[in-house]
Amino acid sequence: MEKRMLTLGHSPDPDDAFMFYGLAKELIPTNGFGFEHILQDIQTLNERATRGELDISAISIHAYAYVSDKYALLPSGASMGDGYGPMLVSKQKFSKDEIARKKIAVPGTMTSAFLALQLWLGKSAKEFDYVVVPFDQIFSAVRSGAAEIGLIIHEGQLTYKNEGLLVSEDLGVWWGRENGGLPLPLGGNVIHKRFEPAVRKRISGILTDSIQYSLDHRPEAVQHALQYARDMGHDLADKFVGMYVNHWTLDYGEKGRESIRRFLGRAFERGLIPHRQELEFVV
């Protein structure tokens, strides 16, 4: 029987590769669906989602505010910063007031890291100096002096010391401190609303099964993910995967949903996103 093909966008990172190991290697039943994996950086995926181009995609939670008319959130696939998150790094430590006056290299204006930065600074993007740099080039931007501060995401959170840089603030730690220990919502998976609700639910179940398969077959899934581990050996890649593929990834739960409501609610109240979000999950 011919499979119904779906486009699935995710970033070329160890955590996403780990999450979709079961699908990529066809190790789980897919109930008549096939998946074309499209690997692009998160800023590109965010932009594509605003145009409704992909059937299923990883996106930043920040970007959901701009695509919720086209996409529904899947209950699995979350990347949550549970006591950790995007970091502000530089050659020397700076205070918040000092950072607000420096040039900051950021990995994209639709990333959750950039929204968290605005909330932390208490300033909108037009009130501070920043430059958009591909996330894997932020270290070199700071080293070269093109920016004084780097807002790092992905594996940079584990490798910044190798670059001789210091952390001025971890935005995941800050968010948890301000919100009773809630995790900072960073990324999620969405599915296009052109699919009927019953079809969305079937596809959602397949994606959840892929995540569960990887958690149940961790050594093999980590080995698969290593091909996407930039500047990381096995142990560091395994640690990184554990940070972002865990119980939050199987299902946000009420705490995860509440963290998204707060994150986007505060962004709306401070004029950082255009309208208040009603979260629409596939159920």
C-alpha atoms as a PDB file:
ATOM      1  CA  MET A   1       0.000   0.000   0.000  1.00  0.00           C
ATOM      2  CA  GLU A   2       1.298   3.425  -0.936  1.00  0.00           C
ATOM      3  CA  LYS A   3       2.088   5.595   2.059  1.00  0.00           C
ATOM      4  CA  ARG A   4       0.644   9.061   2.529  1.00  0.00           C
ATOM      5  CA  MET A   5       3.783  11.219   2.660  1.00  0.00           C
ATOM      6  CA  LEU A   6       4.135  14.038   5.178  1.00  0.00           C
ATOM      7  CA  THR A   7       6.847  16.676   5.432  1.00  0.00           C
ATOM      8  CA  LEU A   8       8.501  16.766   8.872  1.00  0.00           C
ATOM      9  CA  GLY A   9      10.799  19.687   9.629  1.00  0.00           C
ATOM     10  CA  HIS A  10      13.295  19.573  12.472  1.00  0.00           C
ATOM     11  CA  SER A  11      16.716  20.951  13.266  1.00  0.00           C
ATOM     12  CA  PRO A  12      19.956  19.025  12.618  1.00  0.00           C
ATOM     13  CA  ASP A  13      20.687  18.643  16.323  1.00  0.00           C
ATOM     14  CA  PRO A  14      21.276  15.603  18.519  1.00  0.00           C
ATOM     15  CA  ASP A  15      18.048  16.058  20.494  1.00  0.00           C
ATOM     16  CA  ASP A  16      15.813  16.182  17.400  1.00  0.00           C
ATOM     17  CA  ALA A  17      17.744  13.345  15.757  1.00  0.00           C
ATOM     18  CA  PHE A  18      17.290  11.288  18.924  1.00  0.00           C
ATOM     19  CA  MET A  19      13.580  12.103  19.078  1.00  0.00           C
ATOM     20  CA  PHE A  20      12.922  10.985  15.497  1.00  0.00           C
ATOM     21  CA  TYR A  21      15.268   7.970  15.439  1.00  0.00           C
ATOM     22  CA  GLY A  22      12.381   5.486  15.368  1.00  0.00           C
ATOM     23  CA  LEU A  23      10.782   7.277  12.432  1.00  0.00           C
ATOM     24  CA  ALA A  24      13.980   7.915  10.476  1.00  0.00           C
ATOM     25  CA  LYS A  25      15.003   4.245  10.688  1.00  0.00           C
ATOM     26  CA  GLU A  26      11.426   2.946  10.223  1.00  0.00           C
ATOM     27  CA  LEU A  27      11.527   1.079  13.525  1.00  0.00           C
ATOM     28  CA  ILE A  28       7.949   1.855  14.551  1.00  0.00           C
ATOM     29  CA  PRO A  29       4.573   1.353  12.845  1.00  0.00           C
ATOM     30  CA  THR A  30       3.459   4.433  10.915  1.00  0.00           C
ATOM     31  CA  ASN A  31      -0.088   3.372  10.031  1.00  0.00           C
ATOM     32  CA  GLY A  32       0.054   4.199   6.336  1.00  0.00           C
ATOM     33  CA  PHE A  33       2.024   7.443   6.684  1.00  0.00           C
ATOM     34  CA  GLY A  34       5.520   8.167   5.422  1.00  0.00           C
ATOM     35  CA  PHE A  35       7.735  11.004   6.657  1.00  0.00           C
ATOM     36  CA  GLU A  36      10.105  13.142   4.621  1.00  0.00           C
ATOM     37  CA  HIS A  37      12.610  14.552   7.131  1.00  0.00           C
ATOM     38  CA  ILE A  38      13.600  18.136   6.312  1.00  0.00           C
ATOM     39  CA  LEU A  39      16.559  19.320   8.379  1.00  0.00           C
ATOM     40  CA  GLN A  40      16.933  23.090   8.782  1.00  0.00           C
ATOM     41  CA  ASP A  41      17.930  25.472  11.568  1.00  0.00           C
ATOM     42  CA  ILE A  42      15.173  26.590  13.909  1.00  0.00           C
ATOM     43  CA  GLN A  43      14.983  30.179  12.621  1.00  0.00           C
ATOM     44  CA  THR A  44      14.383  28.857   9.069  1.00  0.00           C
ATOM     45  CA  LEU A  45      11.741  26.424  10.345  1.00  0.00           C
ATOM     46  CA  ASN A  46      10.039  29.269  12.236  1.00  0.00           C
ATOM     47  CA  GLU A  47       9.937  31.362   9.070  1.00  0.00           C
ATOM     48  CA  ARG A  48       8.611  28.457   6.987  1.00  0.00           C
ATOM     49  CA  ALA A  49       5.869  27.892   9.567  1.00  0.00           C
ATOM     50  CA  THR A  50       4.649  31.483   9.117  1.00  0.00           C
ATOM     51  CA  ARG A  51       4.034  30.496   5.485  1.00  0.00           C
ATOM     52  CA  GLY A  52       2.434  27.162   6.398  1.00  0.00           C
ATOM     53  CA  GLU A  53       4.848  25.228   4.225  1.00  0.00           C
ATOM     54  CA  LEU A  54       5.447  22.023   6.202  1.00  0.00           C
ATOM     55  CA  ASP A  55       2.928  19.451   7.409  1.00  0.00           C
ATOM     56  CA  ILE A  56       4.686  18.965  10.758  1.00  0.00           C
ATOM     57  CA  SER A  57       7.507  21.069  12.139  1.00  0.00           C
ATOM     58  CA  ALA A  58       9.617  21.789  15.151  1.00  0.00           C
ATOM     59  CA  ILE A  59       9.255  25.473  16.006  1.00  0.00           C
ATOM     60  CA  SER A  60      10.160  27.871  18.770  1.00  0.00           C
ATOM     61  CA  ILE A  61       7.373  28.448  21.294  1.00  0.00           C
ATOM     62  CA  HIS A  62       7.879  32.163  20.553  1.00  0.00           C
ATOM     63  CA  ALA A  63       7.068  31.472  16.894  1.00  0.00           C
ATOM     64  CA  TYR A  64       3.794  29.760  17.851  1.00  0.00           C
ATOM     65  CA  ALA A  65       2.422  33.248  18.505  1.00  0.00           C
ATOM     66  CA  TYR A  66       2.778  33.930  14.762  1.00  0.00           C
ATOM     67  CA  VAL A  67       1.591  30.589  13.375  1.00  0.00           C
ATOM     68  CA  SER A  68      -1.269  29.529  15.682  1.00  0.00           C
ATOM     69  CA  ASP A  69      -3.763  30.376  12.918  1.00  0.00           C
ATOM     70  CA  LYS A  70      -2.188  27.635  10.767  1.00  0.00           C
ATOM     71  CA  TYR A  71      -0.819  25.082  13.217  1.00  0.00           C
ATOM     72  CA  ALA A  72      -1.865  23.218  16.371  1.00  0.00           C
ATOM     73  CA  LEU A  73       0.611  22.177  19.059  1.00  0.00           C
ATOM     74  CA  LEU A  74       1.358  18.484  19.354  1.00  0.00           C
ATOM     75  CA  PRO A  75       1.345  17.221  22.948  1.00  0.00           C
ATOM     76  CA  SER A  76       4.778  15.614  22.483  1.00  0.00           C
ATOM     77  CA  GLY A  77       8.055  16.963  21.178  1.00  0.00           C
ATOM     78  CA  ALA A  78       8.655  19.739  23.696  1.00  0.00           C
ATOM     79  CA  SER A  79      12.077  21.131  24.491  1.00  0.00           C
ATOM     80  CA  MET A  80      11.850  22.585  27.986  1.00  0.00           C
ATOM     81  CA  GLY A  81      14.602  24.311  29.934  1.00  0.00           C
ATOM     82  CA  ASP A  82      14.070  22.716  33.337  1.00  0.00           C
ATOM     83  CA  GLY A  83      16.500  24.690  35.507  1.00  0.00           C
ATOM     84  CA  TYR A  84      18.652  25.619  32.499  1.00  0.00           C
ATOM     85  CA  GLY A  85      18.196  27.348  29.181  1.00  0.00           C
ATOM     86  CA  PRO A  86      19.645  29.881  26.752  1.00  0.00           C
ATOM     87  CA  MET A  87      22.706  31.614  28.176  1.00  0.00           C
ATOM     88  CA  LEU A  88      24.248  35.038  27.839  1.00  0.00           C
ATOM     89  CA  VAL A  89      27.989  34.535  27.490  1.00  0.00           C
ATOM     90  CA  SER A  90      30.917  36.892  26.996  1.00  0.00           C
ATOM     91  CA  LYS A  91      34.645  37.239  27.610  1.00  0.00           C
ATOM     92  CA  GLN A  92      33.912  38.755  31.016  1.00  0.00           C
ATOM     93  CA  LYS A  93      30.853  38.841  33.244  1.00  0.00           C
ATOM     94  CA  PHE A  94      28.445  41.748  32.886  1.00  0.00           C
ATOM     95  CA  SER A  95      25.461  42.935  34.907  1.00  0.00           C
ATOM     96  CA  LYS A  96      21.985  43.187  33.385  1.00  0.00           C
ATOM     97  CA  ASP A  97      22.357  46.968  33.040  1.00  0.00           C
ATOM     98  CA  GLU A  98      25.682  46.546  31.258  1.00  0.00           C
ATOM     99  CA  ILE A  99      24.287  43.871  28.931  1.00  0.00           C
ATOM    100  CA  ALA A 100      21.412  46.173  27.982  1.00  0.00           C
ATOM    101  CA  ARG A 101      24.003  48.596  26.570  1.00  0.00           C
ATOM    102  CA  LYS A 102      26.123  46.024  24.707  1.00  0.00           C
ATOM    103  CA  LYS A 103      25.711  44.502  21.258  1.00  0.00           C
ATOM    104  CA  ILE A 104      24.220  41.012  21.614  1.00  0.00           C
ATOM    105  CA  ALA A 105      24.552  38.254  19.011  1.00  0.00           C
ATOM    106  CA  VAL A 106      21.214  36.383  18.902  1.00  0.00           C
ATOM    107  CA  PRO A 107      20.236  33.191  17.019  1.00  0.00           C
ATOM    108  CA  GLY A 108      17.075  34.597  15.418  1.00  0.00           C
ATOM    109  CA  THR A 109      14.297  37.007  16.321  1.00  0.00           C
ATOM    110  CA  MET A 110      11.601  34.316  16.421  1.00  0.00           C
ATOM    111  CA  THR A 111      13.496  32.033  18.787  1.00  0.00           C
ATOM    112  CA  SER A 112      12.218  31.548  22.325  1.00  0.00           C
ATOM    113  CA  ALA A 113      15.686  32.576  23.529  1.00  0.00           C
ATOM    114  CA  PHE A 114      15.179  36.024  21.975  1.00  0.00           C
ATOM    115  CA  LEU A 115      11.756  36.426  23.586  1.00  0.00           C
ATOM    116  CA  ALA A 116      13.162  35.314  26.955  1.00  0.00           C
ATOM    117  CA  LEU A 117      15.953  37.883  26.537  1.00  0.00           C
ATOM    118  CA  GLN A 118      13.423  40.675  26.010  1.00  0.00           C
ATOM    119  CA  LEU A 119      11.435  39.585  29.069  1.00  0.00           C
ATOM    120  CA  TRP A 120      14.600  39.375  31.169  1.00  0.00           C
ATOM    121  CA  LEU A 121      15.854  42.795  30.073  1.00  0.00           C
ATOM    122  CA  GLY A 122      12.399  44.328  30.395  1.00  0.00           C
ATOM    123  CA  LYS A 123      12.976  45.864  26.956  1.00  0.00           C
ATOM    124  CA  SER A 124      11.557  45.278  23.501  1.00  0.00           C
ATOM    125  CA  ALA A 125      13.880  44.446  20.607  1.00  0.00           C
ATOM    126  CA  LYS A 126      13.933  48.034  19.387  1.00  0.00           C
ATOM    127  CA  GLU A 127      15.302  49.208  22.740  1.00  0.00           C
ATOM    128  CA  PHE A 128      18.631  47.347  22.662  1.00  0.00           C
ATOM    129  CA  ASP A 129      21.412  46.570  20.209  1.00  0.00           C
ATOM    130  CA  TYR A 130      21.516  43.095  18.684  1.00  0.00           C
ATOM    131  CA  VAL A 131      22.694  41.311  15.582  1.00  0.00           C
ATOM    132  CA  VAL A 132      21.226  38.070  14.199  1.00  0.00           C
ATOM    133  CA  VAL A 133      23.875  35.381  13.743  1.00  0.00           C
ATOM    134  CA  PRO A 134      23.387  31.659  12.898  1.00  0.00           C
ATOM    135  CA  PHE A 135      23.357  29.865  16.253  1.00  0.00           C
ATOM    136  CA  ASP A 136      26.520  27.888  15.482  1.00  0.00           C
ATOM    137  CA  GLN A 137      28.458  31.092  14.686  1.00  0.00           C
ATOM    138  CA  ILE A 138      27.656  33.022  17.871  1.00  0.00           C
ATOM    139  CA  PHE A 139      30.872  31.993  19.624  1.00  0.00           C
ATOM    140  CA  SER A 140      32.993  33.309  16.756  1.00  0.00           C
ATOM    141  CA  ALA A 141      30.968  36.563  16.732  1.00  0.00           C
ATOM    142  CA  VAL A 142      31.854  37.108  20.397  1.00  0.00           C
ATOM    143  CA  ARG A 143      35.480  36.052  19.945  1.00  0.00           C
ATOM    144  CA  SER A 144      35.945  38.383  16.974  1.00  0.00           C
ATOM    145  CA  GLY A 145      34.308  41.336  18.716  1.00  0.00           C
ATOM    146  CA  ALA A 146      31.428  41.529  16.218  1.00  0.00           C
ATOM    147  CA  ALA A 147      29.267  41.294  19.360  1.00  0.00           C
ATOM    148  CA  GLU A 148      30.150  41.676  23.023  1.00  0.00           C
ATOM    149  CA  ILE A 149      27.535  39.214  24.297  1.00  0.00           C
ATOM    150  CA  GLY A 150      26.315  35.950  22.782  1.00  0.00           C
ATOM    151  CA  LEU A 151      22.875  34.457  23.372  1.00  0.00           C
ATOM    152  CA  ILE A 152      23.607  30.754  23.024  1.00  0.00           C
ATOM    153  CA  ILE A 153      21.223  27.851  22.487  1.00  0.00           C
ATOM    154  CA  HIS A 154      21.597  24.148  21.673  1.00  0.00           C
ATOM    155  CA  GLU A 155      24.881  22.470  22.532  1.00  0.00           C
ATOM    156  CA  GLY A 156      26.628  25.805  23.103  1.00  0.00           C
ATOM    157  CA  GLN A 157      25.156  25.628  26.600  1.00  0.00           C
ATOM    158  CA  LEU A 158      27.548  22.719  27.284  1.00  0.00           C
ATOM    159  CA  THR A 159      30.597  23.836  25.277  1.00  0.00           C
ATOM    160  CA  TYR A 160      30.922  27.563  26.057  1.00  0.00           C
ATOM    161  CA  LYS A 161      33.752  26.928  28.552  1.00  0.00           C
ATOM    162  CA  ASN A 162      35.844  25.455  25.737  1.00  0.00           C
ATOM    163  CA  GLU A 163      35.584  28.877  24.089  1.00  0.00           C
ATOM    164  CA  GLY A 164      36.945  30.639  27.181  1.00  0.00           C
ATOM    165  CA  LEU A 165      33.642  32.409  27.786  1.00  0.00           C
ATOM    166  CA  LEU A 166      31.749  33.178  30.991  1.00  0.00           C
ATOM    167  CA  VAL A 167      28.021  33.101  31.740  1.00  0.00           C
ATOM    168  CA  SER A 168      26.428  36.348  32.856  1.00  0.00           C
ATOM    169  CA  GLU A 169      22.896  34.877  33.003  1.00  0.00           C
ATOM    170  CA  ASP A 170      21.167  31.572  32.330  1.00  0.00           C
ATOM    171  CA  LEU A 171      17.661  32.513  31.220  1.00  0.00           C
ATOM    172  CA  GLY A 172      16.269  29.096  32.169  1.00  0.00           C
ATOM    173  CA  VAL A 173      17.491  29.530  35.749  1.00  0.00           C
ATOM    174  CA  TRP A 174      16.040  33.053  35.820  1.00  0.00           C
ATOM    175  CA  TRP A 175      12.654  31.892  34.486  1.00  0.00           C
ATOM    176  CA  GLY A 176      12.410  29.097  37.060  1.00  0.00           C
ATOM    177  CA  ARG A 177      13.336  31.499  39.856  1.00  0.00           C
ATOM    178  CA  GLU A 178      10.607  33.928  38.788  1.00  0.00           C
ATOM    179  CA  ASN A 179       7.937  31.281  38.152  1.00  0.00           C
ATOM    180  CA  GLY A 180       7.946  28.844  41.031  1.00  0.00           C
ATOM    181  CA  GLY A 181      10.285  26.381  39.347  1.00  0.00           C
ATOM    182  CA  LEU A 182       8.372  26.103  36.056  1.00  0.00           C
ATOM    183  CA  PRO A 183      10.522  25.125  33.063  1.00  0.00           C
ATOM    184  CA  LEU A 184      11.239  27.663  30.334  1.00  0.00           C
ATOM    185  CA  PRO A 185       9.325  26.593  27.189  1.00  0.00           C
ATOM    186  CA  LEU A 186      11.731  26.674  24.261  1.00  0.00           C
ATOM    187  CA  GLY A 187      10.538  24.480  21.402  1.00  0.00           C
ATOM    188  CA  GLY A 188       7.661  22.283  20.375  1.00  0.00           C
ATOM    189  CA  ASN A 189       6.251  20.346  17.455  1.00  0.00           C
ATOM    190  CA  VAL A 190       3.228  21.552  15.505  1.00  0.00           C
ATOM    191  CA  ILE A 191       0.947  20.052  12.863  1.00  0.00           C
ATOM    192  CA  HIS A 192      -0.874  21.931  10.119  1.00  0.00           C
ATOM    193  CA  LYS A 193      -4.589  22.483  10.681  1.00  0.00           C
ATOM    194  CA  ARG A 194      -5.375  21.415   7.118  1.00  0.00           C
ATOM    195  CA  PHE A 195      -5.514  17.887   8.547  1.00  0.00           C
ATOM    196  CA  GLU A 196      -8.774  16.760  10.110  1.00  0.00           C
ATOM    197  CA  PRO A 197      -8.638  16.489  13.930  1.00  0.00           C
ATOM    198  CA  ALA A 198      -8.835  12.668  13.777  1.00  0.00           C
ATOM    199  CA  VAL A 199      -5.871  12.566  11.374  1.00  0.00           C
ATOM    200  CA  ARG A 200      -3.898  14.981  13.554  1.00  0.00           C
ATOM    201  CA  LYS A 201      -4.449  12.644  16.493  1.00  0.00           C
ATOM    202  CA  ARG A 202      -3.221   9.606  14.548  1.00  0.00           C
ATOM    203  CA  ILE A 203      -0.078  11.426  13.426  1.00  0.00           C
ATOM    204  CA  SER A 204       0.467  12.758  16.940  1.00  0.00           C
ATOM    205  CA  GLY A 205       0.422   9.195  18.273  1.00  0.00           C
ATOM    206  CA  ILE A 206       3.083   8.117  15.772  1.00  0.00           C
ATOM    207  CA  LEU A 207       5.408  10.965  16.787  1.00  0.00           C
ATOM    208  CA  THR A 208       4.926  10.186  20.483  1.00  0.00           C
ATOM    209  CA  ASP A 209       5.710   6.530  19.754  1.00  0.00           C
ATOM    210  CA  SER A 210       8.968   7.606  18.075  1.00  0.00           C
ATOM    211  CA  ILE A 211      10.040   9.547  21.176  1.00  0.00           C
ATOM    212  CA  GLN A 212       9.096   6.651  23.458  1.00  0.00           C
ATOM    213  CA  TYR A 213      11.018   4.215  21.235  1.00  0.00           C
ATOM    214  CA  SER A 214      14.168   6.341  21.527  1.00  0.00           C
ATOM    215  CA  LEU A 215      13.845   6.613  25.298  1.00  0.00           C
ATOM    216  CA  ASP A 216      13.385   2.828  25.471  1.00  0.00           C
ATOM    217  CA  HIS A 217      16.386   2.206  23.157  1.00  0.00           C
ATOM    218  CA  ARG A 218      18.590   5.020  24.397  1.00  0.00           C
ATOM    219  CA  PRO A 219      22.082   3.678  23.471  1.00  0.00           C
ATOM    220  CA  GLU A 220      21.119   3.052  19.839  1.00  0.00           C
ATOM    221  CA  ALA A 221      19.235   6.342  19.553  1.00  0.00           C
ATOM    222  CA  VAL A 222      22.154   8.312  21.023  1.00  0.00           C
ATOM    223  CA  GLN A 223      24.524   6.587  18.587  1.00  0.00           C
ATOM    224  CA  HIS A 224      22.245   7.716  15.731  1.00  0.00           C
ATOM    225  CA  ALA A 225      22.137  11.278  17.134  1.00  0.00           C
ATOM    226  CA  LEU A 226      25.941  11.514  17.349  1.00  0.00           C
ATOM    227  CA  GLN A 227      26.195  12.292  13.630  1.00  0.00           C
ATOM    228  CA  TYR A 228      24.605  15.671  14.429  1.00  0.00           C
ATOM    229  CA  ALA A 229      26.706  16.389  17.530  1.00  0.00           C
ATOM    230  CA  ARG A 230      28.929  19.327  16.654  1.00  0.00           C
ATOM    231  CA  ASP A 231      32.048  19.488  18.849  1.00  0.00           C
ATOM    232  CA  MET A 232      30.608  16.908  21.238  1.00  0.00           C
ATOM    233  CA  GLY A 233      31.784  13.443  22.096  1.00  0.00           C
ATOM    234  CA  HIS A 234      29.444  10.622  23.099  1.00  0.00           C
ATOM    235  CA  ASP A 235      29.110  11.561  26.787  1.00  0.00           C
ATOM    236  CA  LEU A 236      28.406  15.232  26.146  1.00  0.00           C
ATOM    237  CA  ALA A 237      25.917  14.412  23.393  1.00  0.00           C
ATOM    238  CA  ASP A 238      24.199  11.951  25.730  1.00  0.00           C
ATOM    239  CA  LYS A 239      23.963  14.660  28.399  1.00  0.00           C
ATOM    240  CA  PHE A 240      22.584  17.173  25.888  1.00  0.00           C
ATOM    241  CA  VAL A 241      19.946  14.719  24.679  1.00  0.00           C
ATOM    242  CA  GLY A 242      18.907  14.098  28.286  1.00  0.00           C
ATOM    243  CA  MET A 243      18.450  17.827  28.839  1.00  0.00           C
ATOM    244  CA  TYR A 244      15.946  18.194  26.006  1.00  0.00           C
ATOM    245  CA  VAL A 245      14.372  14.764  25.440  1.00  0.00           C
ATOM    246  CA  ASN A 246      12.772  13.602  28.685  1.00  0.00           C
ATOM    247  CA  HIS A 247       9.382  13.356  30.409  1.00  0.00           C
ATOM    248  CA  TRP A 248       8.480  16.877  29.215  1.00  0.00           C
ATOM    249  CA  THR A 249       9.020  15.678  25.633  1.00  0.00           C
ATOM    250  CA  LEU A 250       6.528  12.825  25.927  1.00  0.00           C
ATOM    251  CA  ASP A 251       3.834  15.214  27.143  1.00  0.00           C
ATOM    252  CA  TYR A 252       3.923  18.831  28.349  1.00  0.00           C
ATOM    253  CA  GLY A 253       1.567  18.013  31.219  1.00  0.00           C
ATOM    254  CA  GLU A 254      -0.261  20.791  33.014  1.00  0.00           C
ATOM    255  CA  LYS A 255       2.963  22.403  34.277  1.00  0.00           C
ATOM    256  CA  GLY A 256       4.376  22.547  30.761  1.00  0.00           C
ATOM    257  CA  ARG A 257       1.173  24.039  29.393  1.00  0.00           C
ATOM    258  CA  GLU A 258       1.087  26.586  32.205  1.00  0.00           C
ATOM    259  CA  SER A 259       4.666  27.618  31.450  1.00  0.00           C
ATOM    260  CA  ILE A 260       3.705  28.325  27.816  1.00  0.00           C
ATOM    261  CA  ARG A 261       0.642  30.305  28.910  1.00  0.00           C
ATOM    262  CA  ARG A 262       2.804  32.438  31.211  1.00  0.00           C
ATOM    263  CA  PHE A 263       5.620  32.867  28.695  1.00  0.00           C
ATOM    264  CA  LEU A 264       3.383  34.039  25.849  1.00  0.00           C
ATOM    265  CA  GLY A 265       0.958  35.819  28.199  1.00  0.00           C
ATOM    266  CA  ARG A 266       3.696  38.006  29.634  1.00  0.00           C
ATOM    267  CA  ALA A 267       5.057  38.627  26.178  1.00  0.00           C
ATOM    268  CA  PHE A 268       1.633  39.890  25.080  1.00  0.00           C
ATOM    269  CA  GLU A 269       1.199  42.046  28.182  1.00  0.00           C
ATOM    270  CA  ARG A 270       4.538  43.728  27.468  1.00  0.00           C
ATOM    271  CA  GLY A 271       3.718  44.288  23.806  1.00  0.00           C
ATOM    272  CA  LEU A 272       6.273  41.775  22.527  1.00  0.00           C
ATOM    273  CA  ILE A 273       3.815  39.629  20.542  1.00  0.00           C
ATOM    274  CA  PRO A 274       0.745  40.851  18.616  1.00  0.00           C
ATOM    275  CA  HIS A 275      -2.136  39.057  20.349  1.00  0.00           C
ATOM    276  CA  ARG A 276      -2.941  36.905  23.344  1.00  0.00           C
ATOM    277  CA  GLN A 277      -2.566  33.199  22.611  1.00  0.00           C
ATOM    278  CA  GLU A 278      -5.139  30.526  23.211  1.00  0.00           C
ATOM    279  CA  LEU A 279      -3.158  27.307  23.182  1.00  0.00           C
ATOM    280  CA  GLU A 280      -4.572  24.717  20.799  1.00  0.00           C
ATOM    281  CA  PHE A 281      -3.252  21.213  21.408  1.00  0.00           C
ATOM    282  CA  VAL A 282      -3.974  18.067  19.452  1.00  0.00           C
ATOM    283  CA  VAL A 283      -5.958  15.818  21.783  1.00  0.00           C
END
